[in-house]
C-alpha atoms as a PDB file:
ATOM      1  CA  MET A   1      -0.228  -0.038   0.018  1.00  0.00           C
ATOM      2  CA  ASN A   2       1.243   3.051  -0.514  1.00  0.00           C
ATOM      3  CA  PHE A   3       0.598   5.575   2.191  1.00  0.00           C
ATOM      4  CA  ASN A   4       1.509   9.473   1.529  1.00  0.00           C
ATOM      5  CA  SER A   5       2.563  12.061   4.462  1.00  0.00           C
ATOM      6  CA  LYS A   6       4.521  15.340   3.349  1.00  0.00           C
ATOM      7  CA  ASN A   7       4.980  14.864   7.390  1.00  0.00           C
ATOM      8  CA  PRO A   8       8.721  13.760   7.869  1.00  0.00           C
ATOM      9  CA  PHE A   9       8.435  11.469  10.116  1.00  0.00           C
ATOM     10  CA  LEU A  10       4.851  10.172   8.811  1.00  0.00           C
ATOM     11  CA  ASN A  11       5.210   8.069   5.284  1.00  0.00           C
ATOM     12  CA  SER A  12       4.868   5.131   3.557  1.00  0.00           C
ATOM     13  CA  LYS A  13       8.414   4.451   2.915  1.00  0.00           C
ATOM     14  CA  ARG A  14       9.412   4.548   7.063  1.00  0.00           C
ATOM     15  CA  PHE A  15       6.245   2.698   8.200  1.00  0.00           C
ATOM     16  CA  SER A  16       6.558  -0.086   4.913  1.00  0.00           C
ATOM     17  CA  SER A  17       9.726  -0.675   5.811  1.00  0.00           C
ATOM     18  CA  ASN A  18       9.735  -1.768   9.155  1.00  0.00           C
ATOM     19  CA  ALA A  19       7.001  -3.972   8.354  1.00  0.00           C
ATOM     20  CA  GLU A  20       9.004  -5.881   6.414  1.00  0.00           C
ATOM     21  CA  PRO A  21      11.458  -8.263   8.611  1.00  0.00           C
ATOM     22  CA  ARG A  22       8.655  -8.920  10.586  1.00  0.00           C
ATOM     23  CA  THR A  23       6.629 -11.133   7.972  1.00  0.00           C
ATOM     24  CA  GLU A  24       9.273 -13.448   8.179  1.00  0.00           C
ATOM     25  CA  VAL A  25       9.040 -15.591  11.561  1.00  0.00           C
ATOM     26  CA  HIS A  26      11.287 -18.941  12.723  1.00  0.00           C
ATOM     27  CA  GLN A  27       8.704 -20.991  13.609  1.00  0.00           C
ATOM     28  CA  ALA A  28       9.897 -21.653  16.870  1.00  0.00           C
ATOM     29  CA  GLN A  29       9.587 -17.613  17.553  1.00  0.00           C
ATOM     30  CA  ILE A  30       8.082 -16.602  20.407  1.00  0.00           C
ATOM     31  CA  ILE A  31       6.140 -12.859  18.866  1.00  0.00           C
ATOM     32  CA  ASP A  32       5.887 -10.679  21.771  1.00  0.00           C
ATOM     33  CA  TYR A  33       3.643  -8.620  20.679  1.00  0.00           C
ATOM     34  CA  ASN A  34       4.333  -5.877  23.732  1.00  0.00           C
ATOM     35  CA  GLN A  35       6.799  -4.506  21.531  1.00  0.00           C
ATOM     36  CA  GLU A  36       4.353  -3.848  18.527  1.00  0.00           C
ATOM     37  CA  MET A  37       3.054  -0.107  17.671  1.00  0.00           C
ATOM     38  CA  THR A  38       0.241   0.434  19.480  1.00  0.00           C
ATOM     39  CA  VAL A  39      -2.349   3.440  18.943  1.00  0.00           C
ATOM     40  CA  SER A  40      -3.147   3.618  22.966  1.00  0.00           C
ATOM     41  CA  GLY A  41       0.929   3.592  22.900  1.00  0.00           C
ATOM     42  CA  THR A  42       1.903   6.229  20.439  1.00  0.00           C
ATOM     43  CA  ILE A  43      -1.014   8.779  22.016  1.00  0.00           C
ATOM     44  CA  ASN A  44       1.376   8.079  25.737  1.00  0.00           C
ATOM     45  CA  LYS A  45       3.950   8.960  24.253  1.00  0.00           C
ATOM     46  CA  THR A  46       2.837  11.764  22.101  1.00  0.00           C
ATOM     47  CA  ALA A  47       2.030  13.089  25.530  1.00  0.00           C
ATOM     48  CA  ILE A  48       4.899  12.751  26.789  1.00  0.00           C
ATOM     49  CA  LEU A  49       6.492  14.333  23.984  1.00  0.00           C
ATOM     50  CA  PHE A  50       3.629  17.534  24.939  1.00  0.00           C
ATOM     51  CA  LEU A  51       5.056  17.820  28.671  1.00  0.00           C
ATOM     52  CA  ILE A  52       8.935  17.784  27.400  1.00  0.00           C
ATOM     53  CA  LEU A  53       7.720  20.604  25.274  1.00  0.00           C
ATOM     54  CA  CYS A  54       5.671  22.964  27.889  1.00  0.00           C
ATOM     55  CA  GLY A  55       8.466  22.305  30.307  1.00  0.00           C
ATOM     56  CA  ALA A  56      11.328  23.610  28.063  1.00  0.00           C
ATOM     57  CA  ALA A  57       8.805  26.443  26.843  1.00  0.00           C
ATOM     58  CA  MET A  58       8.978  27.299  30.311  1.00  0.00           C
ATOM     59  CA  VAL A  59      12.456  27.974  30.134  1.00  0.00           C
ATOM     60  CA  THR A  60      12.365  31.012  27.453  1.00  0.00           C
ATOM     61  CA  TRP A  61       9.290  32.405  28.555  1.00  0.00           C
ATOM     62  CA  TRP A  62      10.652  32.449  32.200  1.00  0.00           C
ATOM     63  CA  MET A  63      13.322  34.223  30.218  1.00  0.00           C
ATOM     64  CA  THR A  64      11.721  36.341  28.272  1.00  0.00           C
ATOM     65  CA  PHE A  65       9.461  38.280  30.833  1.00  0.00           C
ATOM     66  CA  ASN A  66      12.901  38.485  33.033  1.00  0.00           C
ATOM     67  CA  GLY A  67      14.610  40.570  31.128  1.00  0.00           C
ATOM     68  CA  ILE A  68      16.950  38.183  30.471  1.00  0.00           C
ATOM     69  CA  ASN A  69      17.444  37.727  26.286  1.00  0.00           C
ATOM     70  CA  PRO A  70      16.328  34.205  24.800  1.00  0.00           C
ATOM     71  CA  MET A  71      17.005  34.178  21.090  1.00  0.00           C
ATOM     72  CA  LEU A  72      20.307  32.497  21.365  1.00  0.00           C
ATOM     73  CA  PRO A  73      18.124  29.219  23.281  1.00  0.00           C
ATOM     74  CA  THR A  74      15.244  30.176  21.030  1.00  0.00           C
ATOM     75  CA  ILE A  75      17.056  30.445  17.659  1.00  0.00           C
ATOM     76  CA  GLY A  76      19.378  27.066  19.118  1.00  0.00           C
ATOM     77  CA  GLY A  77      16.395  24.834  19.817  1.00  0.00           C
ATOM     78  CA  ALA A  78      15.069  25.494  16.134  1.00  0.00           C
ATOM     79  CA  ILE A  79      17.987  24.627  14.811  1.00  0.00           C
ATOM     80  CA  VAL A  80      19.115  21.557  16.660  1.00  0.00           C
ATOM     81  CA  GLY A  81      15.064  20.329  16.450  1.00  0.00           C
ATOM     82  CA  PHE A  82      15.305  20.504  12.942  1.00  0.00           C
ATOM     83  CA  ILE A  83      18.919  18.595  12.980  1.00  0.00           C
ATOM     84  CA  LEU A  84      16.896  15.569  15.167  1.00  0.00           C
ATOM     85  CA  VAL A  85      13.622  15.404  12.702  1.00  0.00           C
ATOM     86  CA  LEU A  86      16.685  15.028  10.036  1.00  0.00           C
ATOM     87  CA  VAL A  87      17.975  11.857  11.709  1.00  0.00           C
ATOM     88  CA  SER A  88      14.664  10.467  12.921  1.00  0.00           C
ATOM     89  CA  SER A  89      13.640  10.444   9.696  1.00  0.00           C
ATOM     90  CA  PHE A  90      16.191   9.142   8.372  1.00  0.00           C
ATOM     91  CA  LYS A  91      16.838   6.607  11.052  1.00  0.00           C
ATOM     92  CA  PRO A  92      13.735   6.213  12.540  1.00  0.00           C
ATOM     93  CA  GLN A  93      14.870   3.215  14.622  1.00  0.00           C
ATOM     94  CA  LEU A  94      17.074   6.090  16.880  1.00  0.00           C
ATOM     95  CA  SER A  95      13.529   7.470  17.840  1.00  0.00           C
ATOM     96  CA  PRO A  96      12.906   6.821  20.974  1.00  0.00           C
ATOM     97  CA  TYR A  97      16.207   8.784  21.919  1.00  0.00           C
ATOM     98  CA  LEU A  98      15.662  11.648  19.445  1.00  0.00           C
ATOM     99  CA  ALA A  99      11.734  12.521  20.126  1.00  0.00           C
ATOM    100  CA  PRO A 100      12.033  13.471  23.442  1.00  0.00           C
ATOM    101  CA  GLY A 101      15.300  15.635  22.337  1.00  0.00           C
ATOM    102  CA  TYR A 102      12.862  17.359  19.702  1.00  0.00           C
ATOM    103  CA  ALA A 103      10.412  17.847  21.956  1.00  0.00           C
ATOM    104  CA  LEU A 104      13.416  19.645  24.373  1.00  0.00           C
ATOM    105  CA  PHE A 105      14.342  21.845  21.604  1.00  0.00           C
ATOM    106  CA  GLU A 106      11.845  22.587  19.934  1.00  0.00           C
ATOM    107  CA  GLY A 107       9.790  23.711  23.093  1.00  0.00           C
ATOM    108  CA  LEU A 108      13.112  26.444  23.708  1.00  0.00           C
ATOM    109  CA  PHE A 109      11.839  27.293  20.167  1.00  0.00           C
ATOM    110  CA  ILE A 110       8.585  27.853  21.144  1.00  0.00           C
ATOM    111  CA  GLY A 111       8.829  29.480  24.064  1.00  0.00           C
ATOM    112  CA  GLY A 112      10.728  31.768  23.108  1.00  0.00           C
ATOM    113  CA  ILE A 113       8.772  32.621  19.886  1.00  0.00           C
ATOM    114  CA  SER A 114       5.552  32.713  21.773  1.00  0.00           C
ATOM    115  CA  ALA A 115       6.778  35.369  24.335  1.00  0.00           C
ATOM    116  CA  ILE A 116       8.176  37.480  21.651  1.00  0.00           C
ATOM    117  CA  PHE A 117       4.751  36.701  19.794  1.00  0.00           C
ATOM    118  CA  GLU A 118       2.802  37.552  23.626  1.00  0.00           C
ATOM    119  CA  LEU A 119       5.042  40.463  24.502  1.00  0.00           C
ATOM    120  CA  LYS A 120       3.540  42.161  21.571  1.00  0.00           C
ATOM    121  CA  PHE A 121       0.242  41.186  21.574  1.00  0.00           C
ATOM    122  CA  PRO A 122      -1.569  39.999  24.678  1.00  0.00           C
ATOM    123  CA  GLY A 123      -3.204  37.366  25.295  1.00  0.00           C
ATOM    124  CA  ILE A 124      -2.559  36.250  21.270  1.00  0.00           C
ATOM    125  CA  VAL A 125      -0.573  32.975  22.832  1.00  0.00           C
ATOM    126  CA  ILE A 126      -3.539  31.304  25.515  1.00  0.00           C
ATOM    127  CA  ASN A 127      -5.938  32.423  22.045  1.00  0.00           C
ATOM    128  CA  ALA A 128      -3.134  30.062  19.494  1.00  0.00           C
ATOM    129  CA  VAL A 129      -3.448  27.094  21.766  1.00  0.00           C
ATOM    130  CA  GLY A 130      -7.006  26.913  22.171  1.00  0.00           C
ATOM    131  CA  ALA A 131      -7.373  27.211  18.523  1.00  0.00           C
ATOM    132  CA  THR A 132      -4.546  24.689  17.945  1.00  0.00           C
ATOM    133  CA  LEU A 133      -6.663  22.703  20.536  1.00  0.00           C
ATOM    134  CA  VAL A 134      -9.399  22.723  18.722  1.00  0.00           C
ATOM    135  CA  THR A 135      -8.027  22.250  15.315  1.00  0.00           C
ATOM    136  CA  PHE A 136      -7.121  18.696  16.673  1.00  0.00           C
ATOM    137  CA  LEU A 137     -10.256  17.425  18.590  1.00  0.00           C
ATOM    138  CA  VAL A 138     -12.549  18.385  15.806  1.00  0.00           C
ATOM    139  CA  CYS A 139      -9.737  16.518  13.324  1.00  0.00           C
ATOM    140  CA  LEU A 140      -9.719  13.602  15.727  1.00  0.00           C
ATOM    141  CA  GLY A 141     -14.045  13.523  16.249  1.00  0.00           C
ATOM    142  CA  LEU A 142     -13.735  13.723  12.504  1.00  0.00           C
ATOM    143  CA  TYR A 143     -11.754  10.438  11.714  1.00  0.00           C
ATOM    144  CA  LYS A 144     -12.405   9.061  14.347  1.00  0.00           C
ATOM    145  CA  PHE A 145     -16.016   8.583  13.465  1.00  0.00           C
ATOM    146  CA  ARG A 146     -14.704   8.423   9.830  1.00  0.00           C
ATOM    147  CA  ILE A 147     -16.914  11.564   9.050  1.00  0.00           C
ATOM    148  CA  VAL A 148     -13.905  12.784   7.253  1.00  0.00           C
ATOM    149  CA  LYS A 149     -12.204   9.271   4.829  1.00  0.00           C
ATOM    150  CA  VAL A 150      -8.400   9.299   3.941  1.00  0.00           C
ATOM    151  CA  THR A 151      -8.443   8.275   0.225  1.00  0.00           C
ATOM    152  CA  GLU A 152      -5.711   8.202  -1.802  1.00  0.00           C
ATOM    153  CA  GLN A 153      -7.210  11.627  -3.659  1.00  0.00           C
ATOM    154  CA  PHE A 154      -7.594  13.135  -0.219  1.00  0.00           C
ATOM    155  CA  LYS A 155      -3.661  12.083   0.483  1.00  0.00           C
ATOM    156  CA  SER A 156      -2.462  13.364  -3.095  1.00  0.00           C
ATOM    157  CA  VAL A 157      -4.379  16.472  -2.760  1.00  0.00           C
ATOM    158  CA  VAL A 158      -2.697  17.117   0.542  1.00  0.00           C
ATOM    159  CA  VAL A 159       0.579  16.239  -0.139  1.00  0.00           C
ATOM    160  CA  ALA A 160       0.204  18.853  -3.078  1.00  0.00           C
ATOM    161  CA  ALA A 161      -0.677  21.183  -1.577  1.00  0.00           C
ATOM    162  CA  THR A 162       1.360  21.483   1.886  1.00  0.00           C
ATOM    163  CA  LEU A 163       4.561  20.914  -0.839  1.00  0.00           C
ATOM    164  CA  ALA A 164       3.383  24.025  -2.222  1.00  0.00           C
ATOM    165  CA  ILE A 165       3.565  25.841   0.315  1.00  0.00           C
ATOM    166  CA  ALA A 166       6.722  24.842   1.552  1.00  0.00           C
ATOM    167  CA  THR A 167       8.116  25.482  -2.003  1.00  0.00           C
ATOM    168  CA  TYR A 168       6.109  28.902  -1.946  1.00  0.00           C
ATOM    169  CA  TYR A 169       7.796  30.279   1.519  1.00  0.00           C
ATOM    170  CA  LEU A 170      11.488  28.732   0.742  1.00  0.00           C
ATOM    171  CA  ILE A 171      10.877  31.152  -2.336  1.00  0.00           C
ATOM    172  CA  SER A 172      10.446  34.000  -0.556  1.00  0.00           C
ATOM    173  CA  TRP A 173      12.790  33.425   1.665  1.00  0.00           C
ATOM    174  CA  VAL A 174      15.755  33.105  -0.442  1.00  0.00           C
ATOM    175  CA  VAL A 175      14.796  36.191  -2.413  1.00  0.00           C
ATOM    176  CA  SER A 176      13.743  37.859   0.110  1.00  0.00           C
ATOM    177  CA  MET A 177      17.638  37.980   1.025  1.00  0.00           C
ATOM    178  CA  PHE A 178      19.033  39.457  -1.206  1.00  0.00           C
ATOM    179  CA  THR A 179      16.418  41.126  -2.880  1.00  0.00           C
ATOM    180  CA  SER A 180      14.330  44.106  -1.536  1.00  0.00           C
ATOM    181  CA  TRP A 181      10.976  41.947  -2.177  1.00  0.00           C
ATOM    182  CA  THR A 182       8.608  41.665   0.200  1.00  0.00           C
ATOM    183  CA  PRO A 183       6.968  38.212   0.269  1.00  0.00           C
ATOM    184  CA  VAL A 184       2.606  39.364  -0.177  1.00  0.00           C
ATOM    185  CA  HIS A 185       2.257  37.035   3.298  1.00  0.00           C
ATOM    186  CA  TYR A 186       4.542  39.324   5.380  1.00  0.00           C
ATOM    187  CA  GLY A 187       2.136  41.919   6.836  1.00  0.00           C
ATOM    188  CA  ASN A 188      -1.500  42.119   7.334  1.00  0.00           C
ATOM    189  CA  SER A 189      -2.995  42.744   4.303  1.00  0.00           C
ATOM    190  CA  MET A 190      -6.681  40.566   3.737  1.00  0.00           C
ATOM    191  CA  MET A 191      -4.024  38.349   0.960  1.00  0.00           C
ATOM    192  CA  SER A 192      -1.649  37.932   3.456  1.00  0.00           C
ATOM    193  CA  ILE A 193      -4.496  37.103   5.874  1.00  0.00           C
ATOM    194  CA  GLY A 194      -5.973  34.749   3.213  1.00  0.00           C
ATOM    195  CA  ILE A 195      -2.610  32.981   2.562  1.00  0.00           C
ATOM    196  CA  SER A 196      -3.131  32.242   6.452  1.00  0.00           C
ATOM    197  CA  VAL A 197      -6.112  30.747   6.434  1.00  0.00           C
ATOM    198  CA  PHE A 198      -4.763  28.633   3.768  1.00  0.00           C
ATOM    199  CA  VAL A 199      -1.903  26.997   4.762  1.00  0.00           C
ATOM    200  CA  ILE A 200      -3.832  26.716   8.798  1.00  0.00           C
ATOM    201  CA  ILE A 201      -6.414  24.416   6.292  1.00  0.00           C
ATOM    202  CA  ILE A 202      -3.691  22.470   4.668  1.00  0.00           C
ATOM    203  CA  ALA A 203      -1.571  22.377   8.349  1.00  0.00           C
ATOM    204  CA  ALA A 204      -4.517  20.782   9.671  1.00  0.00           C
ATOM    205  CA  LEU A 205      -6.085  18.530   6.568  1.00  0.00           C
ATOM    206  CA  ASN A 206      -2.339  16.648   7.871  1.00  0.00           C
ATOM    207  CA  LEU A 207      -3.463  16.001  11.337  1.00  0.00           C
ATOM    208  CA  PHE A 208      -5.744  13.109   8.849  1.00  0.00           C
ATOM    209  CA  LEU A 209      -2.921  11.875   7.518  1.00  0.00           C
ATOM    210  CA  ASP A 210      -1.342  11.585  10.345  1.00  0.00           C
ATOM    211  CA  PHE A 211      -4.493   9.647  12.219  1.00  0.00           C
ATOM    212  CA  ASP A 212      -3.842   7.619   9.493  1.00  0.00           C
ATOM    213  CA  LEU A 213      -0.879   6.778   8.888  1.00  0.00           C
ATOM    214  CA  ILE A 214      -0.750   6.491  13.046  1.00  0.00           C
ATOM    215  CA  GLU A 215      -3.661   3.686  12.559  1.00  0.00           C
ATOM    216  CA  LYS A 216      -2.015   1.848  10.212  1.00  0.00           C
ATOM    217  CA  GLY A 217       0.817   1.338  11.399  1.00  0.00           C
ATOM    218  CA  ALA A 218      -0.515  -0.452  14.587  1.00  0.00           C
ATOM    219  CA  ARG A 219      -2.560  -2.524  12.101  1.00  0.00           C
ATOM    220  CA  GLU A 220       0.510  -3.590  10.742  1.00  0.00           C
ATOM    221  CA  LYS A 221       2.226  -4.473  13.730  1.00  0.00           C
ATOM    222  CA  MET A 222       5.138  -1.847  13.442  1.00  0.00           C
ATOM    223  CA  PRO A 223       7.887  -2.117  15.739  1.00  0.00           C
ATOM    224  CA  LYS A 224       7.690  -0.469  19.224  1.00  0.00           C
ATOM    225  CA  PHE A 225       9.675   2.498  18.328  1.00  0.00           C
ATOM    226  CA  MET A 226       7.682   3.126  15.796  1.00  0.00           C
ATOM    227  CA  GLU A 227       5.221   4.874  18.350  1.00  0.00           C
ATOM    228  CA  TRP A 228       8.110   7.451  18.953  1.00  0.00           C
ATOM    229  CA  TYR A 229       8.429   8.243  15.273  1.00  0.00           C
ATOM    230  CA  GLY A 230       4.461   8.368  15.305  1.00  0.00           C
ATOM    231  CA  ALA A 231       4.494  11.421  17.776  1.00  0.00           C
ATOM    232  CA  MET A 232       7.399  12.713  17.052  1.00  0.00           C
ATOM    233  CA  GLY A 233       5.433  13.072  13.206  1.00  0.00           C
ATOM    234  CA  LEU A 234       2.233  14.093  15.141  1.00  0.00           C
ATOM    235  CA  MET A 235       3.901  16.999  17.165  1.00  0.00           C
ATOM    236  CA  ILE A 236       5.716  18.267  14.392  1.00  0.00           C
ATOM    237  CA  THR A 237       2.425  19.510  12.567  1.00  0.00           C
ATOM    238  CA  LEU A 238       1.251  20.140  16.166  1.00  0.00           C
ATOM    239  CA  VAL A 239       4.011  22.861  16.611  1.00  0.00           C
ATOM    240  CA  TRP A 240       3.541  24.030  12.644  1.00  0.00           C
ATOM    241  CA  LEU A 241      -0.521  24.214  13.248  1.00  0.00           C
ATOM    242  CA  TYR A 242       0.694  26.795  16.294  1.00  0.00           C
ATOM    243  CA  ILE A 243       2.786  28.867  14.803  1.00  0.00           C
ATOM    244  CA  GLU A 244       0.106  29.208  12.016  1.00  0.00           C
ATOM    245  CA  PHE A 245      -2.423  30.900  14.153  1.00  0.00           C
ATOM    246  CA  LEU A 246       0.095  32.831  16.099  1.00  0.00           C
ATOM    247  CA  ARG A 247       1.038  34.674  12.409  1.00  0.00           C
ATOM    248  CA  LEU A 248      -2.629  34.434  12.035  1.00  0.00           C
ATOM    249  CA  LEU A 249      -3.988  36.168  14.909  1.00  0.00           C
ATOM    250  CA  SER A 250      -1.242  38.468  15.384  1.00  0.00           C
ATOM    251  CA  LYS A 251      -2.226  39.573  11.779  1.00  0.00           C
ATOM    252  CA  PHE A 252      -5.331  40.553  13.592  1.00  0.00           C
ATOM    253  CA  ALA A 253      -4.475  41.884  16.186  1.00  0.00           C
ATOM    254  CA  SER A 254      -2.177  44.959  13.786  1.00  0.00           C
ATOM    255  CA  ARG A 255      -5.163  45.564  12.039  1.00  0.00           C
ATOM    256  CA  ASP A 256      -6.619  47.114  15.382  1.00  0.00           C
END
């Protein structure tokens, strides 16, 4: 089966490749089902990563509001977190060690960037957190009750849109570095707001792909470490969604 996701962790190659070795079981081998991926195990590990991320976020948040410059741990956290994402995407078996590290360093980034937004737009963080949580719960409910079905066409559209967004952001960043051009998604114009809304919708749709791939990973009896891998992938999508909500709400606030 071909299950695609833009999320660098939750992709078909990782899940399928880890499934193949488990199909060749010697007759004398004792199968330990406690060593297989489960949905409940992935949920538990997602909760652990979330707590680690929140704890780390409190550090740079506290630094900001106590007169300590948080830029070093904020930027450093973003860079290290990205590196851990890349390493885990090629070495998913290391996810039990790398996933907590990702949550820790990404938490430093989230705390710092959240504090910066909060200083400029008081109250924006709690609204962004609330919006992210509501979006997650709504998407989970829609998926659980099969109101939204993850078909091959659905996956293709979401992946294509996500790739388009990533390409646009990358080109905009590179061009803006070497020219005086200001990307249209900057500022608080209606077009900029519209782009943010579109990106949030695509980020939310990626949650359905994440849920689907985690469920299929458990059904296909992936190795236990894939629970950390799946949890880390889900956290990546949630962080993306939260950042986009921060940006959207800041655009609305700056128009007042």
